[in-house]
Amino acid sequence: MTKEMATREAYGNALVQLGEKNEDIVVLDADLSKSTKTAGFGEKFPNRFFNIGIAEADLVGTAAGLAAAGKIPFASTFAIFATGRAYDQVRNSVCYPRLNVKLAATHAGITVGEDGATHQALEDIALMRAIPNMTVVVPADGIEAQQVIEAAVEYDGPMYIRLGRSKVPMVNDESYKFELGKGVVLKEGSDVTIVAAGVMVNEAIKAAEALKADGIDAEVINIHTVKPLDKELLISSVAKTKAVVTAEEHNIMGGLGSAVCEVLSQNQPVPVEMVGVNDTFGESGTPQALLEKYGLTAEAIAEKVHKAVKRK
């Protein structure tokens, strides 16, 4: 496995591998198969691949029909289209009847980069986690993304899988075992809990390392499943550290930070600081430049940690 890989790349690889083992897997795309990386599945299994065209509502509606017929459909397109253009179909045709559709949304977040604000889904987690019956997963690297797709095939129900465009560093090794709904403690600590998902997991690890010089011992949790959130792990960690910083490549409204606050306000109230896009649209730029402009960095996490610790 390479040291860097886009999670969409791992998704495409996983589909081809799993397609060999399970003939019920079908893949649908909205004319973006080269970008979503479903083209490999289409070449290998042309009878189980459907290019619906630029018609995202039809993409999701057709996936719902295939699920009702016993198939395991992976409906693939960019996150901004999957959650925006097809919201009604996701809500009423997939989640309401709790059909076994996997919505694989690539090009999520600010790291879409040069495509600009119209293609940067920063509210998709909020939209998806608000729908009953929907499970929401945000893998941190290629190894985790591969295992998320394997778990999605085994899971019976709607699932939103948030995938990125850009290559990201591996934070897991080959021994890693993904478990749906169970967060992972990547580093134990006693002074603050950093809860991160997706590309921000690597930044959280770097922040924890930098904070050692300031005498702060940070615990880092990869909370890959945003819904259902691992309440038990979160409450257990916070009972020890008494402060939390959340980190996500998403609007701070309605995403991971909000989900964490919902749990803690009812079970273990502590100071919480959020790292995320602060209720604004993005703009065109390189992924790294945008991460820095909007404060999605290890340095920003460390700064929030200092604030959270002072509020204890």
Protein backbone atom coordinates (compact mmCIF):
# COMPACT_ATOMS: atom_id res chain seq x y z
CA MET A 1 0.00 0.00 0.00
CA THR A 2 1.35 3.44 -0.91
CA LYS A 3 1.96 6.04 1.79
CA GLU A 4 -0.62 8.37 0.24
CA MET A 5 -3.87 7.56 -1.50
CA ALA A 6 -7.15 9.33 -2.20
CA THR A 7 -10.06 7.62 -0.45
CA ARG A 8 -11.95 7.63 -3.78
CA GLU A 9 -9.12 5.54 -5.24
CA ALA A 10 -9.47 2.99 -2.45
CA TYR A 11 -13.22 2.97 -3.09
CA GLY A 12 -12.75 2.07 -6.74
CA ASN A 13 -10.26 -0.66 -5.90
CA ALA A 14 -12.55 -2.12 -3.24
CA LEU A 15 -15.50 -2.26 -5.63
CA VAL A 16 -13.54 -4.36 -8.14
CA GLN A 17 -12.31 -6.75 -5.43
CA LEU A 18 -15.69 -7.14 -3.76
CA GLY A 19 -17.48 -7.44 -7.08
CA GLU A 20 -15.62 -10.70 -7.67
CA LYS A 21 -16.98 -12.15 -4.45
CA ASN A 22 -20.54 -10.85 -4.39
CA GLU A 23 -22.68 -10.80 -7.53
CA ASP A 24 -25.38 -8.75 -5.81
CA ILE A 25 -23.14 -5.68 -5.85
CA VAL A 26 -24.18 -3.22 -8.54
CA VAL A 27 -22.68 0.20 -9.20
CA LEU A 28 -24.41 3.30 -10.52
CA ASP A 29 -22.74 6.52 -11.60
CA ALA A 30 -23.85 9.93 -12.84
CA ASP A 31 -21.44 10.33 -15.76
CA LEU A 32 -18.41 10.84 -13.51
CA SER A 33 -17.04 7.31 -13.34
CA LYS A 34 -13.45 8.30 -14.16
CA SER A 35 -13.50 10.79 -11.30
CA THR A 36 -15.43 8.68 -8.80
CA LYS A 37 -13.21 5.70 -9.73
CA THR A 38 -16.13 3.41 -10.52
CA ALA A 39 -14.93 3.02 -14.12
CA GLY A 40 -12.83 -0.01 -13.15
CA PHE A 41 -15.91 -1.80 -11.88
CA GLY A 42 -17.73 -0.91 -15.08
CA GLU A 43 -14.97 -2.40 -17.23
CA LYS A 44 -14.81 -5.57 -15.14
CA PHE A 45 -18.55 -6.08 -14.65
CA PRO A 46 -20.38 -4.23 -17.45
CA ASN A 47 -23.65 -6.04 -16.76
CA ARG A 48 -23.66 -4.72 -13.20
CA PHE A 49 -22.68 -1.12 -13.96
CA PHE A 50 -25.16 1.61 -14.87
CA ASN A 51 -24.24 5.11 -16.04
CA ILE A 52 -27.43 7.02 -15.33
CA GLY A 53 -26.08 10.23 -16.84
CA ILE A 54 -26.18 13.69 -15.29
CA ALA A 55 -29.40 12.93 -13.44
CA GLU A 56 -28.65 12.48 -9.75
CA ALA A 57 -32.29 12.12 -8.69
CA ASP A 58 -32.65 9.25 -11.16
CA LEU A 59 -29.35 7.82 -9.89
CA VAL A 60 -30.69 7.52 -6.36
CA GLY A 61 -34.18 6.48 -7.42
CA THR A 62 -32.80 3.68 -9.59
CA ALA A 63 -30.52 2.57 -6.76
CA ALA A 64 -33.55 2.40 -4.48
CA GLY A 65 -35.32 0.17 -6.97
CA LEU A 66 -32.35 -2.16 -7.29
CA ALA A 67 -32.10 -2.38 -3.49
CA ALA A 68 -35.80 -3.24 -3.27
CA ALA A 69 -35.06 -6.09 -5.71
CA GLY A 70 -32.35 -7.50 -3.44
CA LYS A 71 -29.24 -5.93 -4.94
CA ILE A 72 -26.53 -3.98 -3.08
CA PRO A 73 -26.27 -0.74 -5.05
CA PHE A 74 -23.41 1.72 -4.70
CA ALA A 75 -24.66 5.03 -6.10
CA SER A 76 -21.69 7.24 -6.89
CA THR A 77 -21.27 10.90 -7.68
CA PHE A 78 -19.71 14.03 -6.20
CA ALA A 79 -20.83 14.81 -2.65
CA ILE A 80 -22.30 18.17 -3.59
CA PHE A 81 -24.63 16.48 -6.10
CA ALA A 82 -25.40 13.38 -4.06
CA THR A 83 -26.64 15.37 -1.09
CA GLY A 84 -27.97 18.48 -2.81
CA ARG A 85 -29.59 17.55 -6.10
CA ALA A 86 -30.87 14.18 -4.90
CA TYR A 87 -31.84 15.06 -1.32
CA ASP A 88 -35.53 14.27 -1.79
CA GLN A 89 -34.78 10.85 -3.26
CA VAL A 90 -32.25 10.06 -0.54
CA ARG A 91 -34.74 11.01 2.16
CA ASN A 92 -37.98 9.61 0.79
CA SER A 93 -36.94 6.81 -1.59
CA VAL A 94 -33.99 5.39 0.37
CA CYS A 95 -34.05 6.31 4.06
CA TYR A 96 -37.79 6.33 4.72
CA PRO A 97 -38.22 2.71 3.51
CA ARG A 98 -34.72 1.95 4.87
CA LEU A 99 -33.44 0.45 1.65
CA ASN A 100 -29.99 -1.02 1.30
CA VAL A 101 -28.43 1.78 -0.78
CA LYS A 102 -24.83 2.91 -0.35
CA LEU A 103 -24.36 6.53 -1.33
CA ALA A 104 -20.67 6.86 -2.15
CA ALA A 105 -19.95 10.58 -2.36
CA THR A 106 -16.55 11.58 -3.68
CA HIS A 107 -14.94 15.04 -3.95
CA ALA A 108 -16.27 16.08 -0.53
CA GLY A 109 -15.01 19.05 1.43
CA ILE A 110 -12.78 22.01 0.70
CA THR A 111 -10.01 19.80 -0.75
CA VAL A 112 -11.93 19.54 -4.01
CA GLY A 113 -9.66 22.51 -4.58
CA GLU A 114 -9.66 24.40 -7.86
CA ASP A 115 -13.26 23.43 -8.73
CA GLY A 116 -14.35 26.09 -6.24
CA ALA A 117 -17.32 26.70 -3.97
CA THR A 118 -19.97 25.22 -6.26
CA HIS A 119 -18.28 21.82 -6.00
CA GLN A 120 -17.13 21.92 -2.36
CA ALA A 121 -19.64 20.06 -0.20
CA LEU A 122 -19.31 21.56 3.27
CA GLU A 123 -22.80 20.82 4.55
CA ASP A 124 -23.28 17.25 3.34
CA ILE A 125 -22.69 15.59 6.72
CA ALA A 126 -25.28 17.87 8.31
CA LEU A 127 -27.82 16.99 5.63
CA MET A 128 -27.22 13.25 5.77
CA ARG A 129 -27.00 12.74 9.51
CA ALA A 130 -30.31 14.57 10.02
CA ILE A 131 -32.18 11.88 8.06
CA PRO A 132 -33.48 8.95 10.15
CA ASN A 133 -32.03 5.52 9.26
CA MET A 134 -28.95 7.01 7.56
CA THR A 135 -25.48 5.91 8.68
CA VAL A 136 -22.67 8.39 7.97
CA VAL A 137 -19.03 7.33 7.60
CA VAL A 138 -15.96 9.48 6.85
CA PRO A 139 -12.83 7.37 6.31
CA ALA A 140 -9.47 8.93 7.14
CA ASP A 141 -7.23 7.17 4.61
CA GLY A 142 -7.11 4.56 1.87
CA ILE A 143 -6.78 1.61 4.23
CA GLU A 144 -9.82 2.66 6.20
CA ALA A 145 -11.80 3.49 3.06
CA GLN A 146 -11.21 -0.01 1.68
CA GLN A 147 -12.54 -1.55 4.89
CA VAL A 148 -15.49 0.85 5.03
CA ILE A 149 -16.63 -0.43 1.63
CA GLU A 150 -16.26 -4.02 2.82
CA ALA A 151 -18.36 -3.18 5.89
CA ALA A 152 -20.93 -1.39 3.74
CA VAL A 153 -21.54 -4.58 1.75
CA GLU A 154 -22.22 -6.48 4.97
CA TYR A 155 -24.38 -3.74 6.52
CA ASP A 156 -28.08 -3.86 5.64
CA GLY A 157 -29.37 -0.30 5.36
CA PRO A 158 -28.69 3.16 3.93
CA MET A 159 -25.15 4.46 4.27
CA TYR A 160 -23.50 7.73 3.27
CA ILE A 161 -19.78 7.27 2.62
CA ARG A 162 -17.84 10.55 2.35
CA LEU A 163 -14.76 10.30 0.15
CA GLY A 164 -12.11 12.80 -0.90
CA ARG A 165 -10.54 13.86 -4.17
CA SER A 166 -6.96 14.47 -3.04
CA LYS A 167 -4.38 12.00 -1.88
CA VAL A 168 -4.06 11.83 1.92
CA PRO A 169 -1.38 10.27 4.15
CA MET A 170 -1.99 6.85 5.64
CA VAL A 171 -2.76 7.09 9.35
CA ASN A 172 -3.48 3.37 9.68
CA ASP A 173 -1.33 0.36 8.87
CA GLU A 174 -2.22 -2.97 7.29
CA SER A 175 -3.14 -4.44 10.71
CA TYR A 176 -5.99 -1.95 11.10
CA LYS A 177 -9.50 -3.36 11.62
CA PHE A 178 -12.43 -1.06 10.90
CA GLU A 179 -15.56 -1.53 12.97
CA LEU A 180 -18.69 0.39 12.02
CA GLY A 181 -19.80 2.74 14.80
CA LYS A 182 -16.67 2.28 16.91
CA GLY A 183 -14.17 5.13 17.17
CA VAL A 184 -10.45 4.47 17.38
CA VAL A 185 -8.08 5.90 19.98
CA LEU A 186 -4.93 6.69 17.99
CA LYS A 187 -3.10 8.26 20.91
CA GLU A 188 -4.00 8.15 24.59
CA GLY A 189 -3.78 11.37 26.62
CA SER A 190 -5.00 13.01 29.80
CA ASP A 191 -5.40 16.77 29.20
CA VAL A 192 -7.75 17.10 26.20
CA THR A 193 -9.59 14.90 23.70
CA ILE A 194 -9.17 15.71 20.01
CA VAL A 195 -11.96 14.14 17.99
CA ALA A 196 -11.37 14.14 14.23
CA ALA A 197 -12.67 12.58 11.04
CA GLY A 198 -11.48 12.28 7.45
CA VAL A 199 -8.48 14.33 6.36
CA MET A 200 -8.37 16.05 9.74
CA VAL A 201 -7.30 12.88 11.54
CA ASN A 202 -3.75 13.27 10.28
CA GLU A 203 -3.76 16.93 11.33
CA ALA A 204 -4.99 15.91 14.80
CA ILE A 205 -2.09 13.51 15.17
CA LYS A 206 0.38 16.22 14.18
CA ALA A 207 -1.24 18.66 16.61
CA ALA A 208 -0.96 16.18 19.48
CA GLU A 209 2.73 15.72 18.76
CA ALA A 210 3.32 19.49 18.71
CA LEU A 211 1.38 20.00 21.95
CA LYS A 212 3.84 17.82 23.84
CA ALA A 213 6.29 20.73 23.76
CA ASP A 214 3.70 22.83 25.60
CA GLY A 215 3.22 20.16 28.24
CA ILE A 216 -0.23 19.17 26.99
CA ASP A 217 -1.00 15.47 26.73
CA ALA A 218 -3.72 15.12 24.07
CA GLU A 219 -5.83 12.06 23.36
CA VAL A 220 -6.65 11.62 19.66
CA ILE A 221 -9.76 9.78 18.49
CA ASN A 222 -10.55 8.91 14.86
CA ILE A 223 -14.35 9.05 14.89
CA HIS A 224 -14.83 7.65 11.39
CA THR A 225 -18.53 6.93 11.96
CA VAL A 226 -20.21 10.28 12.55
CA LYS A 227 -23.61 8.61 12.82
CA PRO A 228 -24.16 6.63 14.94
CA LEU A 229 -21.50 8.35 17.04
CA ASP A 230 -19.51 6.21 19.45
CA LYS A 231 -21.01 7.80 22.58
CA GLU A 232 -19.42 5.32 24.95
CA LEU A 233 -15.88 6.05 23.78
CA LEU A 234 -16.45 9.80 23.70
CA ILE A 235 -17.92 9.99 27.19
CA SER A 236 -15.23 7.72 28.58
CA SER A 237 -12.44 9.83 27.10
CA VAL A 238 -13.93 13.13 28.23
CA ALA A 239 -14.47 11.83 31.76
CA LYS A 240 -10.67 11.68 31.88
CA THR A 241 -9.59 14.78 29.91
CA LYS A 242 -12.44 17.24 30.74
CA ALA A 243 -12.08 19.14 27.43
CA VAL A 244 -12.66 18.48 23.71
CA VAL A 245 -11.56 19.87 20.36
CA THR A 246 -13.33 18.62 17.23
CA ALA A 247 -11.74 18.76 13.77
CA GLU A 248 -13.60 18.30 10.50
CA GLU A 249 -13.43 19.33 6.83
CA HIS A 250 -17.00 20.61 6.97
CA ASN A 251 -19.03 23.58 8.13
CA ILE A 252 -18.88 23.78 11.92
CA MET A 253 -22.69 23.82 11.84
CA GLY A 254 -24.37 20.44 11.82
CA GLY A 255 -21.31 18.26 11.35
CA LEU A 256 -19.02 16.30 13.64
CA GLY A 257 -18.60 19.13 16.15
CA SER A 258 -22.34 19.50 16.50
CA ALA A 259 -22.77 15.73 16.90
CA VAL A 260 -20.15 15.69 19.67
CA CYS A 261 -21.82 18.62 21.44
CA GLU A 262 -25.20 16.91 21.29
CA VAL A 263 -23.78 13.91 23.13
CA LEU A 264 -21.70 15.80 25.68
CA SER A 265 -24.35 18.39 26.58
CA GLN A 266 -26.62 15.56 27.68
CA ASN A 267 -24.07 13.25 29.24
CA GLN A 268 -20.75 14.89 30.12
CA PRO A 269 -20.76 18.70 29.72
CA VAL A 270 -17.23 20.02 29.19
CA PRO A 271 -15.63 22.90 27.21
CA VAL A 272 -15.69 22.17 23.46
CA GLU A 273 -13.82 24.03 20.72
CA MET A 274 -14.43 23.35 17.02
CA VAL A 275 -12.10 23.36 14.04
CA GLY A 276 -13.94 23.50 10.72
CA VAL A 277 -15.11 25.88 8.03
CA ASN A 278 -16.73 28.78 9.88
CA ASP A 279 -20.10 29.07 8.11
CA THR A 280 -18.80 30.34 4.80
CA PHE A 281 -18.43 29.14 1.23
CA GLY A 282 -15.01 28.15 -0.04
CA GLU A 283 -13.17 29.41 -3.09
CA SER A 284 -10.86 28.11 -5.78
CA GLY A 285 -7.32 27.15 -4.81
CA THR A 286 -5.01 24.25 -4.21
CA PRO A 287 -6.21 21.85 -1.50
CA GLN A 288 -3.33 22.74 0.82
CA ALA A 289 -3.80 26.48 0.33
CA LEU A 290 -7.50 26.15 1.13
CA LEU A 291 -6.89 24.04 4.22
CA GLU A 292 -4.57 26.78 5.48
CA LYS A 293 -6.87 29.67 4.50
CA TYR A 294 -9.85 28.15 6.32
CA GLY A 295 -7.87 27.03 9.36
CA LEU A 296 -8.05 23.28 8.86
CA THR A 297 -4.53 22.57 10.06
CA ALA A 298 -2.63 21.04 12.94
CA GLU A 299 -1.68 24.54 14.06
CA ALA A 300 -5.34 25.57 14.24
CA ILE A 301 -6.18 22.45 16.24
CA ALA A 302 -3.35 23.17 18.69
CA GLU A 303 -4.59 26.74 19.12
CA LYS A 304 -8.10 25.48 19.93
CA VAL A 305 -6.65 22.97 22.36
CA HIS A 306 -5.06 25.78 24.35
CA LYS A 307 -8.44 27.57 24.49
CA ALA A 308 -10.28 24.43 25.56
CA VAL A 309 -7.76 23.61 28.29
CA LYS A 310 -7.97 27.16 29.68
CA ARG A 311 -11.76 26.85 29.89
CA LYS A 312 -11.65 23.79 32.12
